[in-house]
Amino acid sequence: MMKRTKCLFFIFFCIFFMTACQKKEPVELKPFENIKIKETGWNGSGEIEVTSH
């Protein structure tokens, strides 16, 4: 009985280790990719409008 329990625990540990420790590809974030800046005005009286999608 004890041998069977140890064997099941070992199998469970191996399956957990193989699935939980897989290498995952890094995620690339581009926070400024879809930001558009529009400026209007002249000589000190300007406005900036920022839009993003």
PDB file of N, CA and C in Angstrom:
ATOM      1  N   MET A   1       0.826  -1.197   0.000  1.00  0.00           N
ATOM      2  CA  MET A   1       0.000   0.000   0.000  1.00  0.00           C
ATOM      3  C   MET A   1       0.873   1.267   0.000  1.00  0.00           C
ATOM      4  N   MET A   2       1.906   1.276   0.821  1.00  0.00           N
ATOM      5  CA  MET A   2       2.778   2.446   0.914  1.00  0.00           C
ATOM      6  C   MET A   2       3.558   2.645  -0.393  1.00  0.00           C
ATOM      7  N   LYS A   3       3.970   1.530  -1.024  1.00  0.00           N
ATOM      8  CA  LYS A   3       4.684   1.628  -2.289  1.00  0.00           C
ATOM      9  C   LYS A   3       3.795   2.220  -3.374  1.00  0.00           C
ATOM     10  N   ARG A   4       2.548   1.845  -3.382  1.00  0.00           N
ATOM     11  CA  ARG A   4       1.597   2.336  -4.370  1.00  0.00           C
ATOM     12  C   ARG A   4       1.361   3.836  -4.175  1.00  0.00           C
ATOM     13  N   THR A   5       1.233   4.271  -2.938  1.00  0.00           N
ATOM     14  CA  THR A   5       1.031   5.689  -2.639  1.00  0.00           C
ATOM     15  C   THR A   5       2.239   6.513  -3.084  1.00  0.00           C
ATOM     16  N   LYS A   6       3.433   6.011  -2.800  1.00  0.00           N
ATOM     17  CA  LYS A   6       4.644   6.724  -3.217  1.00  0.00           C
ATOM     18  C   LYS A   6       4.740   6.794  -4.735  1.00  0.00           C
ATOM     19  N   CYS A   7       4.374   5.716  -5.393  1.00  0.00           N
ATOM     20  CA  CYS A   7       4.424   5.689  -6.854  1.00  0.00           C
ATOM     21  C   CYS A   7       3.420   6.684  -7.445  1.00  0.00           C
ATOM     22  N   LEU A   8       2.215   6.722  -6.922  1.00  0.00           N
ATOM     23  CA  LEU A   8       1.212   7.675  -7.406  1.00  0.00           C
ATOM     24  C   LEU A   8       1.639   9.115  -7.147  1.00  0.00           C
ATOM     25  N   PHE A   9       2.212   9.364  -5.973  1.00  0.00           N
ATOM     26  CA  PHE A   9       2.692  10.705  -5.660  1.00  0.00           C
ATOM     27  C   PHE A   9       3.808  11.109  -6.623  1.00  0.00           C
ATOM     28  N   PHE A  10       4.724  10.180  -6.909  1.00  0.00           N
ATOM     29  CA  PHE A  10       5.823  10.464  -7.826  1.00  0.00           C
ATOM     30  C   PHE A  10       5.301  10.765  -9.229  1.00  0.00           C
ATOM     31  N   ILE A  11       4.335   9.991  -9.692  1.00  0.00           N
ATOM     32  CA  ILE A  11       3.751  10.219 -11.023  1.00  0.00           C
ATOM     33  C   ILE A  11       3.048  11.572 -11.068  1.00  0.00           C
ATOM     34  N   PHE A  12       2.284  11.888 -10.031  1.00  0.00           N
ATOM     35  CA  PHE A  12       1.610  13.187  -9.970  1.00  0.00           C
ATOM     36  C   PHE A  12       2.620  14.330  -9.975  1.00  0.00           C
ATOM     37  N   PHE A  13       3.702  14.184  -9.207  1.00  0.00           N
ATOM     38  CA  PHE A  13       4.736  15.212  -9.141  1.00  0.00           C
ATOM     39  C   PHE A  13       5.391  15.401 -10.508  1.00  0.00           C
ATOM     40  N   CYS A  14       5.676  14.308 -11.213  1.00  0.00           N
ATOM     41  CA  CYS A  14       6.300  14.411 -12.534  1.00  0.00           C
ATOM     42  C   CYS A  14       5.393  15.112 -13.538  1.00  0.00           C
ATOM     43  N   ILE A  15       4.122  14.751 -13.534  1.00  0.00           N
ATOM     44  CA  ILE A  15       3.173  15.393 -14.457  1.00  0.00           C
ATOM     45  C   ILE A  15       3.040  16.876 -14.133  1.00  0.00           C
ATOM     46  N   PHE A  16       2.941  17.205 -12.850  1.00  0.00           N
ATOM     47  CA  PHE A  16       2.848  18.610 -12.444  1.00  0.00           C
ATOM     48  C   PHE A  16       4.088  19.379 -12.858  1.00  0.00           C
ATOM     49  N   PHE A  17       5.260  18.804 -12.640  1.00  0.00           N
ATOM     50  CA  PHE A  17       6.522  19.473 -12.969  1.00  0.00           C
ATOM     51  C   PHE A  17       6.647  19.700 -14.470  1.00  0.00           C
ATOM     52  N   MET A  18       6.228  18.735 -15.269  1.00  0.00           N
ATOM     53  CA  MET A  18       6.352  18.861 -16.724  1.00  0.00           C
ATOM     54  C   MET A  18       5.376  19.883 -17.286  1.00  0.00           C
ATOM     55  N   THR A  19       4.201  20.037 -16.697  1.00  0.00           N
ATOM     56  CA  THR A  19       3.223  20.978 -17.244  1.00  0.00           C
ATOM     57  C   THR A  19       3.361  22.372 -16.650  1.00  0.00           C
ATOM     58  N   ALA A  20       3.745  22.496 -15.397  1.00  0.00           N
ATOM     59  CA  ALA A  20       3.799  23.801 -14.745  1.00  0.00           C
ATOM     60  C   ALA A  20       5.081  24.557 -15.061  1.00  0.00           C
ATOM     61  N   CYS A  21       6.118  23.891 -15.474  1.00  0.00           N
ATOM     62  CA  CYS A  21       7.406  24.547 -15.692  1.00  0.00           C
ATOM     63  C   CYS A  21       7.753  24.676 -17.168  1.00  0.00           C
ATOM     64  N   GLN A  22       6.768  24.742 -18.010  1.00  0.00           N
ATOM     65  CA  GLN A  22       7.030  24.904 -19.432  1.00  0.00           C
ATOM     66  C   GLN A  22       7.492  26.325 -19.711  1.00  0.00           C
ATOM     67  N   LYS A  23       8.351  26.461 -20.685  1.00  0.00           N
ATOM     68  CA  LYS A  23       8.840  27.778 -21.071  1.00  0.00           C
ATOM     69  C   LYS A  23       7.753  28.493 -21.861  1.00  0.00           C
ATOM     70  N   LYS A  24       7.460  29.699 -21.493  1.00  0.00           N
ATOM     71  CA  LYS A  24       6.449  30.483 -22.188  1.00  0.00           C
ATOM     72  C   LYS A  24       7.137  31.634 -22.917  1.00  0.00           C
ATOM     73  N   GLU A  25       6.616  31.955 -24.076  1.00  0.00           N
ATOM     74  CA  GLU A  25       7.167  33.049 -24.867  1.00  0.00           C
ATOM     75  C   GLU A  25       6.851  34.382 -24.195  1.00  0.00           C
ATOM     76  N   PRO A  26       7.788  35.320 -24.187  1.00  0.00           N
ATOM     77  CA  PRO A  26       7.516  36.627 -23.596  1.00  0.00           C
ATOM     78  C   PRO A  26       6.493  37.415 -24.418  1.00  0.00           C
ATOM     79  N   VAL A  27       5.746  38.231 -23.743  1.00  0.00           N
ATOM     80  CA  VAL A  27       4.737  39.056 -24.394  1.00  0.00           C
ATOM     81  C   VAL A  27       5.345  40.426 -24.654  1.00  0.00           C
ATOM     82  N   GLU A  28       5.240  40.900 -25.886  1.00  0.00           N
ATOM     83  CA  GLU A  28       5.793  42.199 -26.239  1.00  0.00           C
ATOM     84  C   GLU A  28       4.693  43.249 -26.152  1.00  0.00           C
ATOM     85  N   LEU A  29       4.901  44.242 -25.315  1.00  0.00           N
ATOM     86  CA  LEU A  29       3.936  45.323 -25.148  1.00  0.00           C
ATOM     87  C   LEU A  29       4.436  46.572 -25.853  1.00  0.00           C
ATOM     88  N   LYS A  30       3.533  47.203 -26.586  1.00  0.00           N
ATOM     89  CA  LYS A  30       3.850  48.458 -27.274  1.00  0.00           C
ATOM     90  C   LYS A  30       2.831  49.498 -26.832  1.00  0.00           C
ATOM     91  N   PRO A  31       3.082  50.194 -25.729  1.00  0.00           N
ATOM     92  CA  PRO A  31       2.069  51.106 -25.189  1.00  0.00           C
ATOM     93  C   PRO A  31       1.824  52.349 -26.043  1.00  0.00           C
ATOM     94  N   PHE A  32       2.765  52.748 -26.882  1.00  0.00           N
ATOM     95  CA  PHE A  32       2.610  53.977 -27.664  1.00  0.00           C
ATOM     96  C   PHE A  32       2.362  53.686 -29.144  1.00  0.00           C
ATOM     97  N   GLU A  33       1.933  52.486 -29.474  1.00  0.00           N
ATOM     98  CA  GLU A  33       1.772  52.098 -30.873  1.00  0.00           C
ATOM     99  C   GLU A  33       0.613  52.835 -31.549  1.00  0.00           C
ATOM    100  N   ASN A  34      -0.521  52.981 -30.893  1.00  0.00           N
ATOM    101  CA  ASN A  34      -1.704  53.567 -31.528  1.00  0.00           C
ATOM    102  C   ASN A  34      -2.071  54.942 -30.966  1.00  0.00           C
ATOM    103  N   ILE A  35      -1.121  55.670 -30.460  1.00  0.00           N
ATOM    104  CA  ILE A  35      -1.388  57.006 -29.911  1.00  0.00           C
ATOM    105  C   ILE A  35      -1.080  58.060 -30.980  1.00  0.00           C
ATOM    106  N   LYS A  36      -2.016  58.961 -31.163  1.00  0.00           N
ATOM    107  CA  LYS A  36      -1.825  60.060 -32.116  1.00  0.00           C
ATOM    108  C   LYS A  36      -1.923  61.377 -31.353  1.00  0.00           C
ATOM    109  N   ILE A  37      -0.999  62.273 -31.645  1.00  0.00           N
ATOM    110  CA  ILE A  37      -0.956  63.582 -30.990  1.00  0.00           C
ATOM    111  C   ILE A  37      -1.224  64.650 -32.053  1.00  0.00           C
ATOM    112  N   LYS A  38      -2.187  65.506 -31.769  1.00  0.00           N
ATOM    113  CA  LYS A  38      -2.541  66.587 -32.696  1.00  0.00           C
ATOM    114  C   LYS A  38      -2.379  67.908 -31.946  1.00  0.00           C
ATOM    115  N   GLU A  39      -1.571  68.772 -32.501  1.00  0.00           N
ATOM    116  CA  GLU A  39      -1.359  70.068 -31.858  1.00  0.00           C
ATOM    117  C   GLU A  39      -1.939  71.173 -32.739  1.00  0.00           C
ATOM    118  N   THR A  40      -2.556  72.136 -32.078  1.00  0.00           N
ATOM    119  CA  THR A  40      -3.128  73.289 -32.775  1.00  0.00           C
ATOM    120  C   THR A  40      -2.767  74.548 -32.007  1.00  0.00           C
ATOM    121  N   GLY A  41      -2.868  75.672 -32.634  1.00  0.00           N
ATOM    122  CA  GLY A  41      -2.582  76.946 -31.978  1.00  0.00           C
ATOM    123  C   GLY A  41      -1.325  77.602 -32.516  1.00  0.00           C
ATOM    124  N   TRP A  42      -1.078  78.805 -31.982  1.00  0.00           N
ATOM    125  CA  TRP A  42       0.064  79.562 -32.474  1.00  0.00           C
ATOM    126  C   TRP A  42       0.527  80.540 -31.409  1.00  0.00           C
ATOM    127  N   ASN A  43       1.804  80.721 -31.254  1.00  0.00           N
ATOM    128  CA  ASN A  43       2.427  81.749 -30.434  1.00  0.00           C
ATOM    129  C   ASN A  43       1.959  81.711 -28.973  1.00  0.00           C
ATOM    130  N   GLY A  44       2.145  80.575 -28.333  1.00  0.00           N
ATOM    131  CA  GLY A  44       1.836  80.487 -26.908  1.00  0.00           C
ATOM    132  C   GLY A  44       0.410  80.110 -26.569  1.00  0.00           C
ATOM    133  N   SER A  45      -0.469  80.045 -27.528  1.00  0.00           N
ATOM    134  CA  SER A  45      -1.856  79.678 -27.233  1.00  0.00           C
ATOM    135  C   SER A  45      -2.188  78.353 -27.931  1.00  0.00           C
ATOM    136  N   GLY A  46      -1.402  77.347 -27.632  1.00  0.00           N
ATOM    137  CA  GLY A  46      -1.574  76.060 -28.303  1.00  0.00           C
ATOM    138  C   GLY A  46      -2.371  75.074 -27.479  1.00  0.00           C
ATOM    139  N   GLU A  47      -2.896  74.078 -28.164  1.00  0.00           N
ATOM    140  CA  GLU A  47      -3.619  72.984 -27.527  1.00  0.00           C
ATOM    141  C   GLU A  47      -3.096  71.675 -28.089  1.00  0.00           C
ATOM    142  N   ILE A  48      -3.094  70.658 -27.236  1.00  0.00           N
ATOM    143  CA  ILE A  48      -2.673  69.338 -27.672  1.00  0.00           C
ATOM    144  C   ILE A  48      -3.833  68.376 -27.430  1.00  0.00           C
ATOM    145  N   GLU A  49      -4.121  67.554 -28.428  1.00  0.00           N
ATOM    146  CA  GLU A  49      -5.162  66.549 -28.327  1.00  0.00           C
ATOM    147  C   GLU A  49      -4.509  65.175 -28.535  1.00  0.00           C
ATOM    148  N   VAL A  50      -4.689  64.297 -27.556  1.00  0.00           N
ATOM    149  CA  VAL A  50      -4.112  62.955 -27.623  1.00  0.00           C
ATOM    150  C   VAL A  50      -5.251  61.964 -27.825  1.00  0.00           C
ATOM    151  N   THR A  51      -5.142  61.128 -28.874  1.00  0.00           N
ATOM    152  CA  THR A  51      -6.166  60.100 -29.111  1.00  0.00           C
ATOM    153  C   THR A  51      -5.476  58.744 -29.191  1.00  0.00           C
ATOM    154  N   SER A  52      -6.169  57.730 -28.719  1.00  0.00           N
ATOM    155  CA  SER A  52      -5.641  56.369 -28.808  1.00  0.00           C
ATOM    156  C   SER A  52      -6.781  55.424 -29.150  1.00  0.00           C
ATOM    157  N   HIS A  53      -6.442  54.298 -29.677  1.00  0.00           N
ATOM    158  CA  HIS A  53      -7.439  53.324 -30.104  1.00  0.00           C
ATOM    159  C   HIS A  53      -7.410  52.147 -29.153  1.00  0.00           C
TER     160      HIS A  53
END
